[in-house]
């Protein structure tokens, strides 16, 4: 993938540019961190972390401020992180693959298995009843997102190729209306949009991602931030992990937190919270192997221009 192609993935590049002009809040490489920029989407542990002000409370005694930046999907977040306007954020499995292939300055800081809450929807009255019947159909998803990977692996499961469908690259806010009005015949997506498609846009689950493959989401950090401020990054990961453990045991409160922060109705976020896995941990050998499979598959299909080695950008705290 050329640099210009990576930029095309970034519908939120304007958001990134708004933040990159900040003064050198993190100082010289050995300077004190004054501000941490966290990228988040409308789901997951970071939304809960924000609602609880967990990072703010943790870093207040250290004089570090926390700034939150919302993104509609992972690719624009990766671009923002690459240019240094976001320090840490959560994404699905595909965005960091595309970003690494484009030479982005990122590292994997932590991992989180996805057990539910993403897949492919079709309209309730659609004649499509099997994966094989996606052949020749318009399938909407965000290019470079975890949904992209689900589409690729779902097609393989049915013996189809990427060329057998018409991919329609849409961000989640654009894909929802397209799905509702019939502009696309299937929609690959994650929660809470997955739940919205099911309940508010007359969607039917064609396949859950868990039926196709193991998937993971990731907590990604800017490479220079990780190199220069490893102790701070470890604290961010620790707070994220602690919030995740709390979320596993308090799903009703999680749904309320997600609704409060995102503005998405409580009934939708309740569905998403009840079927989510919140456990956050190290990027294990198993997770690396699964992610390497994603990267190898995308290279084979020509979706990224060169092979990459996932382990090359897995961050290890040198103080650990």
Protein backbone atom coordinates (compact mmCIF):
# COMPACT_ATOMS: atom_id res chain seq x y z
CA UNK A 1 0.00 0.00 0.00
CA UNK A 2 1.38 3.41 -0.97
CA UNK A 3 1.33 6.29 1.47
CA UNK A 4 -1.42 8.01 -0.52
CA UNK A 5 -3.57 4.87 -0.28
CA UNK A 6 -3.17 4.78 3.48
CA UNK A 7 -4.29 8.39 3.65
CA UNK A 8 -7.39 7.50 1.65
CA UNK A 9 -8.40 5.13 4.42
CA UNK A 10 -8.48 8.04 6.82
CA UNK A 11 -11.84 9.70 6.64
CA UNK A 12 -10.92 11.33 9.92
CA UNK A 13 -7.58 12.81 8.80
CA UNK A 14 -8.98 16.28 9.35
CA UNK A 15 -9.53 15.33 12.96
CA UNK A 16 -5.92 14.23 13.16
CA UNK A 17 -4.67 17.47 11.67
CA UNK A 18 -6.55 19.46 14.27
CA UNK A 19 -4.51 17.85 16.99
CA UNK A 20 -1.10 17.58 15.42
CA UNK A 21 -0.46 21.32 15.75
CA UNK A 22 -0.24 21.07 19.53
CA UNK A 23 2.87 22.41 21.23
CA UNK A 24 5.47 19.92 22.35
CA UNK A 25 3.46 18.85 25.39
CA UNK A 26 5.53 15.74 25.83
CA UNK A 27 8.77 17.67 25.77
CA UNK A 28 12.04 16.23 24.65
CA UNK A 29 12.42 12.44 24.50
CA UNK A 30 13.43 12.50 28.14
CA UNK A 31 10.95 15.24 29.11
CA UNK A 32 7.95 14.87 31.34
CA UNK A 33 4.61 13.95 29.80
CA UNK A 34 2.11 16.77 30.25
CA UNK A 35 -0.76 15.46 28.15
CA UNK A 36 -1.94 12.08 26.86
CA UNK A 37 -4.21 11.90 23.79
CA UNK A 38 -6.50 8.84 23.74
CA UNK A 39 -8.31 7.74 20.59
CA UNK A 40 -11.58 5.86 21.05
CA UNK A 41 -14.61 4.67 19.13
CA UNK A 42 -18.24 4.20 20.19
CA UNK A 43 -17.58 0.92 21.95
CA UNK A 44 -15.27 -0.93 24.25
CA UNK A 45 -13.22 -0.48 27.36
CA UNK A 46 -11.89 2.97 26.56
CA UNK A 47 -15.41 4.40 26.47
CA UNK A 48 -15.94 3.07 29.98
CA UNK A 49 -12.54 4.35 31.04
CA UNK A 50 -13.49 7.79 29.81
CA UNK A 51 -16.88 7.77 31.48
CA UNK A 52 -15.30 6.81 34.80
CA UNK A 53 -12.46 9.33 34.37
CA UNK A 54 -10.16 6.48 35.41
CA UNK A 55 -7.12 7.79 33.54
CA UNK A 56 -7.74 11.34 34.73
CA UNK A 57 -7.87 10.20 38.34
CA UNK A 58 -4.76 8.08 37.95
CA UNK A 59 -2.62 10.76 36.30
CA UNK A 60 -3.85 13.82 38.21
CA UNK A 61 -1.20 13.42 40.97
CA UNK A 62 1.45 13.33 38.24
CA UNK A 63 0.23 16.55 36.64
CA UNK A 64 -0.71 14.80 33.40
CA UNK A 65 -3.86 15.80 31.54
CA UNK A 66 -5.91 13.39 29.42
CA UNK A 67 -7.52 14.41 26.13
CA UNK A 68 -10.05 12.18 24.34
CA UNK A 69 -10.46 12.07 20.54
CA UNK A 70 -13.38 10.17 18.99
CA UNK A 71 -13.08 8.31 15.68
CA UNK A 72 -15.73 6.56 13.59
CA UNK A 73 -13.40 3.64 12.84
CA UNK A 74 -9.84 2.39 13.22
CA UNK A 75 -8.12 3.54 9.99
CA UNK A 76 -8.38 7.29 10.65
CA UNK A 77 -7.23 6.67 14.21
CA UNK A 78 -4.13 4.90 12.92
CA UNK A 79 -3.35 7.84 10.66
CA UNK A 80 -3.75 10.25 13.57
CA UNK A 81 -1.46 8.08 15.67
CA UNK A 82 1.08 7.86 12.86
CA UNK A 83 1.41 11.64 12.65
CA UNK A 84 1.68 11.92 16.42
CA UNK A 85 -1.65 13.50 17.28
CA UNK A 86 -2.90 10.46 19.25
CA UNK A 87 -0.77 8.54 21.73
CA UNK A 88 -2.94 5.49 22.50
CA UNK A 89 -6.16 3.98 21.23
CA UNK A 90 -8.24 0.87 20.61
CA UNK A 91 -8.87 -0.67 17.17
CA UNK A 92 -9.80 -3.96 15.55
CA UNK A 93 -7.39 -6.35 13.89
CA UNK A 94 -7.11 -4.94 10.37
CA UNK A 95 -6.27 -1.23 10.87
CA UNK A 96 -2.83 -1.86 12.39
CA UNK A 97 -2.01 -4.32 9.58
CA UNK A 98 -2.69 -1.70 6.91
CA UNK A 99 -0.88 0.90 9.00
CA UNK A 100 2.22 -1.24 9.53
CA UNK A 101 2.35 -2.03 5.82
CA UNK A 102 2.31 1.72 5.15
CA UNK A 103 5.20 2.28 7.56
CA UNK A 104 3.14 3.94 10.29
CA UNK A 105 4.80 4.74 13.60
CA UNK A 106 2.76 2.41 15.79
CA UNK A 107 3.22 -0.48 18.20
CA UNK A 108 0.91 -3.09 19.71
CA UNK A 109 0.61 -2.34 23.45
CA UNK A 110 -2.09 -4.83 24.53
CA UNK A 111 -4.60 -7.28 23.10
CA UNK A 112 -8.22 -8.26 23.60
CA UNK A 113 -9.92 -11.34 22.11
CA UNK A 114 -13.25 -10.62 20.41
CA UNK A 115 -15.75 -13.36 21.11
CA UNK A 116 -18.91 -11.75 19.78
CA UNK A 117 -20.46 -8.54 18.54
CA UNK A 118 -19.43 -8.42 14.90
CA UNK A 119 -20.39 -10.15 11.70
CA UNK A 120 -22.34 -9.72 8.46
CA UNK A 121 -25.94 -8.52 8.29
CA UNK A 122 -28.47 -8.81 5.47
CA UNK A 123 -31.99 -7.33 5.39
CA UNK A 124 -34.58 -9.48 7.15
CA UNK A 125 -36.47 -10.08 3.91
CA UNK A 126 -33.32 -10.73 1.86
CA UNK A 127 -33.21 -13.96 -0.16
CA UNK A 128 -29.58 -14.36 0.91
CA UNK A 129 -29.45 -17.31 3.32
CA UNK A 130 -25.88 -18.53 2.95
CA UNK A 131 -22.41 -17.10 2.55
CA UNK A 132 -22.22 -18.50 -0.98
CA UNK A 133 -25.16 -16.30 -1.95
CA UNK A 134 -23.03 -13.20 -1.35
CA UNK A 135 -21.55 -13.86 -4.79
CA UNK A 136 -22.19 -10.90 -7.04
CA UNK A 137 -23.63 -8.82 -4.20
CA UNK A 138 -22.74 -5.36 -2.93
CA UNK A 139 -21.16 -5.77 0.52
CA UNK A 140 -20.54 -2.67 2.58
CA UNK A 141 -17.76 -2.29 5.13
CA UNK A 142 -15.03 0.09 6.18
CA UNK A 143 -11.84 -0.43 4.19
CA UNK A 144 -8.96 -1.45 6.41
CA UNK A 145 -11.20 -2.22 9.38
CA UNK A 146 -11.81 -5.45 11.28
CA UNK A 147 -14.95 -5.87 9.15
CA UNK A 148 -12.69 -6.02 6.10
CA UNK A 149 -10.97 -9.05 7.57
CA UNK A 150 -14.30 -10.71 8.39
CA UNK A 151 -15.44 -10.28 4.79
CA UNK A 152 -12.24 -11.80 3.42
CA UNK A 153 -12.31 -14.80 5.74
CA UNK A 154 -16.05 -15.35 5.33
CA UNK A 155 -15.66 -15.51 1.56
CA UNK A 156 -12.83 -18.02 1.94
CA UNK A 157 -15.05 -20.15 4.14
CA UNK A 158 -17.56 -20.43 1.29
CA UNK A 159 -14.94 -20.99 -1.39
CA UNK A 160 -15.44 -17.52 -2.83
CA UNK A 161 -12.82 -14.92 -3.66
CA UNK A 162 -12.71 -11.21 -2.99
CA UNK A 163 -13.42 -10.68 -6.69
CA UNK A 164 -16.74 -12.52 -6.29
CA UNK A 165 -18.34 -9.59 -4.47
CA UNK A 166 -18.59 -5.87 -5.08
CA UNK A 167 -16.99 -4.23 -2.04
CA UNK A 168 -18.52 -0.90 -1.12
CA UNK A 169 -16.21 1.01 1.19
CA UNK A 170 -18.25 2.97 3.72
CA UNK A 171 -17.69 4.29 7.22
CA UNK A 172 -20.19 3.00 9.81
CA UNK A 173 -22.26 6.23 9.86
CA UNK A 174 -22.60 6.06 6.06
CA UNK A 175 -23.07 2.29 5.84
CA UNK A 176 -26.09 2.27 8.17
CA UNK A 177 -28.32 4.38 5.89
CA UNK A 178 -26.99 2.56 2.81
CA UNK A 179 -28.00 -0.74 4.39
CA UNK A 180 -31.41 0.57 5.39
CA UNK A 181 -32.24 1.92 1.93
CA UNK A 182 -30.97 -1.11 0.02
CA UNK A 183 -27.91 0.50 -1.56
CA UNK A 184 -25.87 -2.40 -0.22
CA UNK A 185 -27.10 -5.97 0.06
CA UNK A 186 -24.97 -6.98 3.03
CA UNK A 187 -23.13 -5.11 5.76
CA UNK A 188 -20.06 -6.28 7.65
CA UNK A 189 -19.86 -4.39 10.91
CA UNK A 190 -19.12 -4.42 14.65
CA UNK A 191 -21.01 -3.32 17.75
CA UNK A 192 -22.72 -1.05 18.53
CA UNK A 193 -23.52 -0.60 14.82
CA UNK A 194 -24.04 -4.35 14.54
CA UNK A 195 -26.78 -4.11 17.17
CA UNK A 196 -28.25 -1.02 15.52
CA UNK A 197 -28.43 -2.86 12.20
CA UNK A 198 -30.18 -5.79 13.86
CA UNK A 199 -32.73 -3.86 15.88
CA UNK A 200 -33.27 -0.51 14.18
CA UNK A 201 -32.57 -1.22 10.52
CA UNK A 202 -34.30 -4.57 10.06
CA UNK A 203 -31.12 -6.58 9.77
CA UNK A 204 -30.67 -10.32 10.05
CA UNK A 205 -27.38 -11.91 11.04
CA UNK A 206 -26.02 -13.90 8.12
CA UNK A 207 -22.96 -14.96 10.07
CA UNK A 208 -21.23 -14.08 13.32
CA UNK A 209 -17.51 -13.49 13.14
CA UNK A 210 -16.90 -16.16 15.78
CA UNK A 211 -18.29 -18.75 13.36
CA UNK A 212 -15.57 -17.86 10.87
CA UNK A 213 -12.35 -17.19 12.73
CA UNK A 214 -10.68 -16.03 15.91
CA UNK A 215 -10.47 -12.25 16.04
CA UNK A 216 -8.80 -9.77 18.33
CA UNK A 217 -8.87 -6.08 19.01
CA UNK A 218 -5.81 -4.14 20.06
CA UNK A 219 -4.58 -1.25 22.10
CA UNK A 220 -2.10 0.60 19.93
CA UNK A 221 0.42 3.27 20.88
CA UNK A 222 2.42 5.78 18.92
CA UNK A 223 5.91 4.33 18.49
CA UNK A 224 7.78 7.38 19.78
CA UNK A 225 5.47 7.72 22.75
CA UNK A 226 6.11 4.06 23.63
CA UNK A 227 9.86 4.46 23.20
CA UNK A 228 10.20 7.70 25.14
CA UNK A 229 7.53 7.23 27.79
CA UNK A 230 7.30 3.51 28.43
CA UNK A 231 6.51 3.90 32.12
CA UNK A 232 3.55 6.13 31.31
CA UNK A 233 2.34 3.76 28.60
CA UNK A 234 2.48 0.85 31.04
CA UNK A 235 0.32 2.83 33.45
CA UNK A 236 -2.22 3.51 30.69
CA UNK A 237 -2.34 -0.20 29.87
CA UNK A 238 -2.70 -1.07 33.57
CA UNK A 239 -5.61 1.34 34.03
CA UNK A 240 -7.23 0.01 30.83
CA UNK A 241 -6.84 -3.56 32.11
CA UNK A 242 -8.29 -2.71 35.52
CA UNK A 243 -11.29 -1.05 33.88
CA UNK A 244 -11.78 -4.14 31.71
CA UNK A 245 -11.85 -6.40 34.76
CA UNK A 246 -14.48 -4.19 36.36
CA UNK A 247 -16.54 -4.20 33.14
CA UNK A 248 -16.66 -8.00 33.03
CA UNK A 249 -18.54 -7.98 36.34
CA UNK A 250 -20.76 -4.92 35.82
CA UNK A 251 -22.37 -5.20 32.40
CA UNK A 252 -25.52 -3.24 33.26
CA UNK A 253 -23.38 -0.32 34.38
CA UNK A 254 -21.20 -0.75 31.33
CA UNK A 255 -24.22 -0.33 29.06
CA UNK A 256 -25.16 2.87 30.89
CA UNK A 257 -21.62 4.17 30.57
CA UNK A 258 -21.50 3.40 26.86
CA UNK A 259 -24.86 5.08 26.28
CA UNK A 260 -23.86 8.16 28.29
CA UNK A 261 -20.59 8.71 26.45
CA UNK A 262 -21.66 7.81 22.91
CA UNK A 263 -25.26 9.00 22.81
CA UNK A 264 -26.33 5.63 21.40
CA UNK A 265 -29.55 4.41 23.09
CA UNK A 266 -29.28 2.26 26.19
CA UNK A 267 -31.12 -0.69 24.65
CA UNK A 268 -28.53 -0.87 21.86
CA UNK A 269 -25.59 -0.58 24.21
CA UNK A 270 -27.12 -3.19 26.50
CA UNK A 271 -27.07 -5.70 23.63
CA UNK A 272 -23.46 -4.78 22.86
CA UNK A 273 -22.33 -4.91 26.50
CA UNK A 274 -23.96 -8.26 27.21
CA UNK A 275 -22.19 -10.03 24.36
CA UNK A 276 -18.79 -8.35 24.62
CA UNK A 277 -15.57 -9.65 26.09
CA UNK A 278 -13.71 -6.95 27.97
CA UNK A 279 -10.58 -8.77 29.13
CA UNK A 280 -7.40 -6.88 28.20
CA UNK A 281 -3.98 -8.49 28.42
CA UNK A 282 -0.57 -8.88 26.80
CA UNK A 283 -0.14 -9.52 23.10
CA UNK A 284 0.51 -13.25 23.49
CA UNK A 285 2.16 -15.60 21.01
CA UNK A 286 -1.29 -16.92 20.08
CA UNK A 287 -2.59 -13.42 19.39
CA UNK A 288 0.52 -12.62 17.35
CA UNK A 289 0.03 -15.80 15.30
CA UNK A 290 -3.61 -14.96 14.62
CA UNK A 291 -2.73 -11.42 13.63
CA UNK A 292 0.09 -12.64 11.41
CA UNK A 293 -2.48 -14.76 9.60
CA UNK A 294 -4.53 -11.62 8.90
CA UNK A 295 -1.47 -9.84 7.53
CA UNK A 296 -0.40 -12.78 5.37
CA UNK A 297 -3.90 -13.15 3.95
CA UNK A 298 -4.13 -9.46 3.06
CA UNK A 299 -0.74 -9.60 1.36
CA UNK A 300 -1.74 -12.65 -0.64
CA UNK A 301 -4.83 -10.81 -1.86
CA UNK A 302 -2.81 -7.73 -2.78
CA UNK A 303 -4.57 -5.59 -0.19
CA UNK A 304 -1.20 -4.64 1.30
CA UNK A 305 1.86 -4.27 -0.94
CA UNK A 306 4.45 -6.23 1.00
CA UNK A 307 4.70 -8.91 3.68
CA UNK A 308 4.99 -7.65 7.24
CA UNK A 309 6.04 -9.25 10.51
CA UNK A 310 3.60 -8.48 13.32
CA UNK A 311 6.07 -9.34 16.06
CA UNK A 312 8.36 -6.54 14.85
CA UNK A 313 6.05 -3.91 16.32
CA UNK A 314 4.84 -5.62 19.49
CA UNK A 315 5.85 -3.36 22.39
CA UNK A 316 7.51 -4.90 25.41
CA UNK A 317 8.01 -2.72 28.47
CA UNK A 318 11.77 -2.78 28.99
CA UNK A 319 11.22 -2.25 32.72
CA UNK A 320 9.01 -5.35 33.02
